[in-house]
Amino acid sequence: MALSRKHLERLTDRSIDIVVATDRSGTIIYYSDGASGSLGYTGDEMVGAFVGRLYPALEEAKRVMAAMRSDDFGGPGICENLQTTLLSKGGEEIPAAMSAAVIYDDEGAEDGTIGYAKDLREILHKDQLATLGDVAVGLSHEINNPLAVILNQVTLLEADVLRLCGEDDSSVEEERLEAIRREVERITEILERLSEMVSSDQYETVKYADSRSMIDLSDKSETRGPDPRLQGLEILVVDDDLGICGTMKELLEGAGCRVETANDGREALKLLETSRFDLMLSDVVMPNMDGHDLYLACQELHPELPVLMMTAFHYDKDHIIKRSRLKGLDGVIFKKPVDPDRLCEVIAETVERHAS
């Protein structure tokens, strides 16, 4: 059964898109309910009006008309997904994707036009949020690495203050160091909230946090004396951030470990081929070879070597940790800046567990 014009108009009226038809002079002869919803004009206001009223300027209306008659947007007589701007009744400029066609009479002369336009505001808004999310996650990572260096340096400085002061009162210095720790923690919490607000993948963080093998070192704990279990342990630290490598080396050597550092996975593999280690502490996100690929290569070379991972990201964007856990990874330090005392405790417990 052929659809009548009335049936077609009823179907078109159900569309949420903007549908407008004109006669050969550019006068609007059809204006859909979807157009009313997006642009604010009623059908009574627009039917009989010149189509140029829908555009911010007459030049834009002429550009759309010219596009329908050119070869550039689908061929003469049609245009497909032409980017344009429409003007609402309230004066708002609305980005839209226009698909339109020229209507011809039985003799082949132009008789009018019909256009379908999609309001792009929501789509563009979602794209902007996705871009902001990527920026926020990258920013969080870049800030958390120097925060980790600051926190590690504070711990080293605290040990120096206690050593130099001896029995003298160092309470003022300790209060200042504690204030630095508190501010670092505040910044870290702000970055967490930012990541949660803009990230669509934050559920992964929750999933990991619920796992027994997920170790969160963000909580501050009291300073402890050297752990005897760490004495003489050979540790390989892998991180593309030189500051992280440097302070991790200082901290772990101060706890009695012997430490080698590598700035990417390839350099780490060369060290693993020539040296023996009790544990490898690796960053998750690195250029050339990420933590997952390094872990797999390490499993091939030394399947008995325990591996811990750390990251400045607040969620596992590329599923590196998840993929590594599926391949047998049993320990994760999930977030920088890490607490030095907790780090030492986890290293000692992990080495003990693998030795038993």
Protein backbone atom coordinates (compact mmCIF):
# COMPACT_ATOMS: atom_id res chain seq x y z
CA MET A 1 0.00 0.00 0.00
CA ALA A 2 1.40 3.40 -0.97
CA LEU A 3 1.65 5.91 1.85
CA SER A 4 -0.34 9.08 1.39
CA ARG A 5 1.14 12.53 2.01
CA LYS A 6 -0.92 12.68 5.21
CA HIS A 7 0.57 9.42 6.46
CA LEU A 8 4.10 10.59 5.64
CA GLU A 9 3.54 13.85 7.48
CA ARG A 10 2.27 11.99 10.54
CA LEU A 11 5.34 9.75 10.52
CA THR A 12 7.65 12.72 10.10
CA ASP A 13 5.97 14.55 12.95
CA ARG A 14 6.95 11.67 15.23
CA SER A 15 10.63 12.31 14.50
CA ILE A 16 12.66 14.24 17.07
CA ASP A 17 14.78 15.66 14.22
CA ILE A 18 14.17 19.01 12.55
CA VAL A 19 12.24 18.47 9.30
CA VAL A 20 11.43 21.46 7.07
CA ALA A 21 10.08 21.62 3.51
CA THR A 22 9.88 24.69 1.26
CA ASP A 23 8.36 25.61 -2.07
CA ARG A 24 10.42 26.82 -5.03
CA SER A 25 10.52 30.38 -3.64
CA GLY A 26 11.96 29.28 -0.26
CA THR A 27 8.69 29.66 1.64
CA ILE A 28 8.20 27.06 4.39
CA ILE A 29 5.30 24.72 3.60
CA TYR A 30 6.00 22.01 6.21
CA TYR A 31 7.52 22.33 9.71
CA SER A 32 7.71 19.23 11.96
CA ASP A 33 6.99 18.83 15.66
CA GLY A 34 10.66 17.91 16.12
CA ALA A 35 11.59 21.29 14.66
CA SER A 36 9.29 22.99 17.16
CA GLY A 37 10.92 21.10 20.02
CA SER A 38 14.48 22.07 19.00
CA LEU A 39 13.97 25.59 17.64
CA GLY A 40 11.08 26.86 19.75
CA TYR A 41 8.96 28.17 16.86
CA THR A 42 5.50 26.68 16.40
CA GLY A 43 4.27 25.43 13.06
CA ASP A 44 1.86 28.37 12.81
CA GLU A 45 4.78 30.79 13.25
CA MET A 46 6.93 29.18 10.56
CA VAL A 47 4.63 27.87 7.83
CA GLY A 48 4.45 30.66 5.25
CA ALA A 49 7.69 32.29 6.47
CA PHE A 50 10.90 32.51 4.45
CA VAL A 51 13.30 29.64 5.26
CA GLY A 52 16.14 32.11 5.85
CA ARG A 53 14.51 32.86 9.19
CA LEU A 54 15.90 29.54 10.48
CA TYR A 55 19.52 30.63 10.02
CA PRO A 56 21.67 33.15 11.91
CA ALA A 57 22.37 34.98 8.65
CA LEU A 58 21.06 34.95 5.09
CA GLU A 59 24.54 33.94 3.90
CA GLU A 60 24.27 30.64 5.78
CA ALA A 61 20.88 29.89 4.18
CA LYS A 62 22.40 30.58 0.76
CA ARG A 63 25.34 28.30 1.57
CA VAL A 64 22.98 25.41 2.36
CA MET A 65 20.98 26.04 -0.84
CA ALA A 66 24.20 26.11 -2.88
CA ALA A 67 25.41 22.85 -1.24
CA MET A 68 22.25 21.06 -2.43
CA ARG A 69 23.04 22.06 -6.01
CA SER A 70 26.78 21.27 -5.95
CA ASP A 71 28.75 18.07 -6.49
CA ASP A 72 30.48 18.26 -3.11
CA PHE A 73 27.92 16.83 -0.67
CA GLY A 74 26.45 13.83 -2.45
CA GLY A 75 25.75 15.16 -5.93
CA PRO A 76 23.48 17.78 -7.54
CA GLY A 77 20.06 17.95 -5.95
CA ILE A 78 21.08 16.51 -2.56
CA CYS A 79 23.42 17.12 0.34
CA GLU A 80 24.35 14.68 3.11
CA ASN A 81 25.44 15.55 6.66
CA LEU A 82 26.27 19.16 5.89
CA GLN A 83 27.45 20.96 9.02
CA THR A 84 25.41 24.11 9.52
CA THR A 85 24.00 26.38 12.22
CA LEU A 86 20.33 27.06 12.91
CA LEU A 87 18.83 29.86 14.98
CA SER A 88 16.27 29.18 17.70
CA LYS A 89 13.40 31.48 18.59
CA GLY A 90 15.31 32.51 21.71
CA GLY A 91 18.34 33.53 19.65
CA GLU A 92 20.51 30.50 20.42
CA GLU A 93 22.73 29.26 17.60
CA ILE A 94 22.28 25.50 17.31
CA PRO A 95 24.90 23.29 15.58
CA ALA A 96 23.20 20.84 13.24
CA ALA A 97 23.93 18.16 10.63
CA MET A 98 21.73 18.74 7.60
CA SER A 99 20.68 16.23 4.97
CA ALA A 100 18.47 17.77 2.29
CA ALA A 101 17.21 17.32 -1.25
CA VAL A 102 15.73 19.40 -4.03
CA ILE A 103 12.20 18.36 -5.06
CA TYR A 104 11.47 18.35 -8.80
CA ASP A 105 8.11 18.48 -10.62
CA ASP A 106 7.07 16.19 -13.46
CA GLU A 107 8.89 18.35 -16.01
CA GLY A 108 12.15 18.25 -14.04
CA ALA A 109 11.96 21.82 -12.77
CA GLU A 110 12.77 22.63 -9.15
CA ASP A 111 9.57 22.61 -7.10
CA GLY A 112 10.95 23.00 -3.59
CA THR A 113 13.25 21.44 -1.00
CA ILE A 114 13.04 19.18 2.03
CA GLY A 115 15.67 19.05 4.74
CA TYR A 116 16.31 16.85 7.79
CA ALA A 117 18.58 18.34 10.47
CA LYS A 118 19.90 16.70 13.64
CA ASP A 119 20.51 18.90 16.66
CA LEU A 120 24.16 18.25 17.59
CA ARG A 121 24.25 20.03 20.95
CA GLU A 122 24.01 16.89 23.09
CA ILE A 123 26.43 14.93 20.90
CA LEU A 124 29.02 17.73 20.95
CA HIS A 125 28.55 18.12 24.70
CA LYS A 126 29.31 14.43 25.23
CA ASP A 127 32.36 14.71 22.99
CA GLN A 128 33.57 17.67 25.03
CA LEU A 129 33.06 15.74 28.28
CA ALA A 130 35.01 12.80 26.87
CA THR A 131 37.85 15.12 25.88
CA LEU A 132 37.80 16.76 29.31
CA GLY A 133 37.91 13.30 30.87
CA ASP A 134 41.03 12.40 28.91
CA VAL A 135 42.64 15.71 29.86
CA ALA A 136 41.75 15.24 33.53
CA VAL A 137 43.14 11.71 33.65
CA GLY A 138 46.36 12.79 31.96
CA LEU A 139 46.66 15.78 34.26
CA SER A 140 46.09 13.59 37.29
CA HIS A 141 48.89 11.27 36.17
CA GLU A 142 51.32 14.12 35.53
CA ILE A 143 50.62 15.72 38.91
CA ASN A 144 50.70 12.51 40.93
CA ASN A 145 54.23 11.63 39.85
CA PRO A 146 55.79 14.83 41.27
CA LEU A 147 53.57 14.44 44.34
CA ALA A 148 55.10 11.03 44.86
CA VAL A 149 58.58 12.55 44.61
CA ILE A 150 57.63 15.25 47.14
CA LEU A 151 56.26 12.70 49.60
CA ASN A 152 59.30 10.49 49.25
CA GLN A 153 61.62 13.45 49.76
CA VAL A 154 59.67 14.47 52.88
CA THR A 155 60.24 10.99 54.32
CA LEU A 156 63.96 11.19 53.56
CA LEU A 157 64.14 14.70 55.00
CA GLU A 158 62.36 13.56 58.15
CA ALA A 159 64.95 10.84 58.67
CA ASP A 160 67.74 13.40 58.20
CA VAL A 161 66.15 15.79 60.70
CA LEU A 162 65.87 13.07 63.33
CA ARG A 163 69.45 11.97 62.70
CA LEU A 164 70.90 15.50 62.84
CA CYS A 165 68.87 16.65 65.84
CA GLY A 166 69.60 13.58 67.91
CA GLU A 167 68.05 14.14 71.32
CA ASP A 168 67.31 17.81 70.60
CA ASP A 169 63.73 18.92 70.18
CA SER A 170 62.70 18.72 66.49
CA SER A 171 58.96 19.07 67.02
CA VAL A 172 58.70 22.26 64.92
CA GLU A 173 60.42 20.63 61.95
CA GLU A 174 58.29 17.51 62.30
CA GLU A 175 55.10 19.63 62.34
CA ARG A 176 56.17 21.34 59.13
CA LEU A 177 56.88 18.02 57.44
CA GLU A 178 53.54 16.71 58.61
CA ALA A 179 51.85 19.80 57.14
CA ILE A 180 53.45 19.04 53.78
CA ARG A 181 52.13 15.47 53.97
CA ARG A 182 48.62 16.71 54.72
CA GLU A 183 48.64 19.09 51.75
CA VAL A 184 49.91 16.37 49.43
CA GLU A 185 47.07 14.18 50.65
CA ARG A 186 44.55 16.96 50.00
CA ILE A 187 45.80 17.43 46.44
CA THR A 188 45.63 13.70 45.86
CA GLU A 189 42.02 13.58 47.08
CA ILE A 190 41.07 16.46 44.77
CA LEU A 191 42.59 14.64 41.81
CA GLU A 192 40.64 11.52 42.77
CA ARG A 193 37.37 13.42 42.81
CA LEU A 194 38.19 15.00 39.45
CA SER A 195 38.87 11.62 37.90
CA GLU A 196 35.66 10.18 39.34
CA MET A 197 33.58 13.07 37.99
CA VAL A 198 34.79 12.86 34.41
CA SER A 199 35.73 9.22 33.98
CA SER A 200 33.22 6.72 32.68
CA ASP A 201 35.49 3.86 33.71
CA GLN A 202 35.71 4.60 37.42
CA TYR A 203 33.87 1.35 38.22
CA GLU A 204 37.13 -0.44 37.52
CA THR A 205 38.69 1.34 40.42
CA VAL A 206 35.93 0.06 42.69
CA LYS A 207 36.32 -3.44 41.33
CA TYR A 208 40.02 -3.47 41.97
CA ALA A 209 39.67 -1.93 45.41
CA ASP A 210 37.41 -4.82 46.42
CA SER A 211 40.01 -7.40 45.41
CA ARG A 212 42.34 -8.89 48.01
CA SER A 213 45.24 -8.55 45.62
CA MET A 214 44.60 -4.81 45.18
CA ILE A 215 46.74 -2.87 47.62
CA ASP A 216 45.95 0.83 48.09
CA LEU A 217 48.91 2.70 49.59
CA SER A 218 47.26 6.11 49.73
CA ASP A 219 46.66 6.06 53.51
CA LYS A 220 49.27 7.66 55.70
CA SER A 221 50.71 5.48 58.41
CA GLU A 222 53.09 6.21 61.25
CA THR A 223 56.83 6.23 60.62
CA ARG A 224 58.43 2.95 61.62
CA GLY A 225 61.94 1.70 62.05
CA PRO A 226 63.72 -0.33 59.35
CA ASP A 227 62.10 -3.69 58.63
CA PRO A 228 64.70 -6.43 59.12
CA ARG A 229 63.02 -8.48 56.38
CA LEU A 230 64.19 -5.91 53.82
CA GLN A 231 67.87 -6.15 54.63
CA GLY A 232 69.83 -7.17 51.53
CA LEU A 233 66.83 -7.60 49.22
CA GLU A 234 67.62 -6.94 45.57
CA ILE A 235 64.88 -4.72 44.13
CA LEU A 236 64.38 -3.58 40.51
CA VAL A 237 62.39 -0.33 40.19
CA VAL A 238 60.98 0.42 36.72
CA ASP A 239 59.43 3.82 35.98
CA ASP A 240 59.71 6.27 33.08
CA ASP A 241 59.70 9.15 35.60
CA LEU A 242 63.30 9.78 36.68
CA GLY A 243 62.13 11.48 39.87
CA ILE A 244 60.16 8.40 40.93
CA CYS A 245 63.11 6.12 40.19
CA GLY A 246 65.47 8.34 42.18
CA THR A 247 63.36 8.70 45.29
CA MET A 248 62.28 5.05 45.30
CA LYS A 249 65.94 4.06 45.13
CA GLU A 250 66.81 6.34 48.06
CA LEU A 251 63.91 5.16 50.18
CA LEU A 252 64.46 1.45 49.62
CA GLU A 253 68.21 1.70 50.05
CA GLY A 254 67.55 3.57 53.30
CA ALA A 255 65.44 0.59 54.38
CA GLY A 256 68.32 -1.81 53.69
CA CYS A 257 67.57 -2.94 50.12
CA ARG A 258 69.93 -2.93 47.17
CA VAL A 259 68.19 -1.20 44.27
CA GLU A 260 68.62 -1.02 40.50
CA THR A 261 66.45 1.28 38.38
CA ALA A 262 65.26 1.17 34.76
CA ASN A 263 63.42 3.89 32.88
CA ASP A 264 61.39 1.61 30.61
CA GLY A 265 60.50 -2.04 30.09
CA ARG A 266 63.27 -2.74 27.59
CA GLU A 267 65.95 -1.47 29.94
CA ALA A 268 64.41 -3.56 32.72
CA LEU A 269 64.57 -6.72 30.60
CA LYS A 270 68.29 -6.18 29.96
CA LEU A 271 68.89 -5.97 33.72
CA LEU A 272 66.77 -9.07 34.30
CA GLU A 273 68.93 -11.01 31.84
CA THR A 274 72.15 -10.24 33.70
CA SER A 275 71.16 -9.72 37.35
CA ARG A 276 69.17 -11.51 40.04
CA PHE A 277 66.38 -9.70 41.87
CA ASP A 278 64.06 -10.58 44.75
CA LEU A 279 61.25 -8.36 43.47
CA MET A 280 60.38 -6.00 40.61
CA LEU A 281 58.38 -2.83 41.30
CA SER A 282 57.03 -1.53 37.98
CA ASP A 283 55.01 1.43 36.80
CA VAL A 284 51.86 0.53 34.85
CA VAL A 285 51.79 3.17 32.10
CA MET A 286 55.12 3.55 30.28
CA PRO A 287 56.14 4.26 26.67
CA ASN A 288 57.52 1.50 24.40
CA MET A 289 56.50 -1.32 26.74
CA ASP A 290 53.73 -0.96 29.33
CA GLY A 291 53.56 -2.78 32.65
CA HIS A 292 51.49 -5.64 31.23
CA ASP A 293 53.97 -6.44 28.45
CA LEU A 294 56.89 -6.16 30.86
CA TYR A 295 55.14 -8.50 33.29
CA LEU A 296 54.57 -11.11 30.56
CA ALA A 297 58.19 -10.88 29.43
CA CYS A 298 59.34 -11.18 33.03
CA GLN A 299 57.21 -14.29 33.47
CA GLU A 300 59.02 -15.86 30.53
CA LEU A 301 62.46 -15.05 31.91
CA HIS A 302 61.87 -15.44 35.65
CA PRO A 303 58.44 -16.92 36.46
CA GLU A 304 59.38 -17.11 40.13
CA LEU A 305 60.09 -13.34 40.42
CA PRO A 306 57.34 -11.47 42.33
CA VAL A 307 56.10 -8.30 40.64
CA LEU A 308 54.29 -5.32 42.13
CA MET A 309 52.74 -2.58 40.02
CA MET A 310 52.09 1.08 40.75
CA THR A 311 50.43 3.87 38.79
CA ALA A 312 49.69 7.58 39.05
CA PHE A 313 46.31 7.03 37.36
CA HIS A 314 43.22 6.69 39.52
CA TYR A 315 41.77 3.97 37.33
CA ASP A 316 43.13 1.36 34.95
CA LYS A 317 42.21 3.10 31.70
CA ASP A 318 43.80 0.53 29.36
CA HIS A 319 43.01 -2.51 31.54
CA ILE A 320 46.75 -3.12 32.05
CA ILE A 321 46.33 -4.24 35.64
CA LYS A 322 43.27 -6.35 34.84
CA ARG A 323 45.07 -8.11 31.97
CA SER A 324 48.13 -8.69 34.13
CA ARG A 325 46.05 -10.15 36.96
CA LEU A 326 44.45 -12.58 34.52
CA LYS A 327 47.97 -13.73 33.67
CA GLY A 328 48.88 -14.33 37.29
CA LEU A 329 49.87 -10.97 38.79
CA ASP A 330 49.08 -11.18 42.50
CA GLY A 331 50.04 -7.78 43.84
CA VAL A 332 49.14 -4.24 42.88
CA ILE A 333 50.16 -0.95 44.41
CA PHE A 334 47.40 0.98 42.77
CA LYS A 335 48.01 4.65 43.37
CA LYS A 336 50.83 7.16 43.62
CA PRO A 337 51.94 8.83 45.78
CA VAL A 338 52.55 5.68 47.79
CA ASP A 339 53.14 5.64 51.51
CA PRO A 340 56.81 4.68 52.04
CA ASP A 341 56.25 2.61 55.19
CA ARG A 342 53.39 0.68 53.64
CA LEU A 343 55.47 0.15 50.51
CA CYS A 344 58.25 -1.45 52.54
CA GLU A 345 55.74 -3.63 54.37
CA VAL A 346 54.16 -4.88 51.14
CA ILE A 347 57.55 -5.62 49.58
CA ALA A 348 58.60 -7.64 52.61
CA GLU A 349 55.31 -9.56 52.74
CA THR A 350 55.38 -10.28 49.00
CA VAL A 351 58.95 -11.59 49.03
CA GLU A 352 58.17 -13.75 52.07
CA ARG A 353 55.06 -15.18 50.43
CA HIS A 354 56.92 -16.12 47.27
CA ALA A 355 59.79 -17.65 49.22
CA SER A 356 57.53 -19.97 51.21
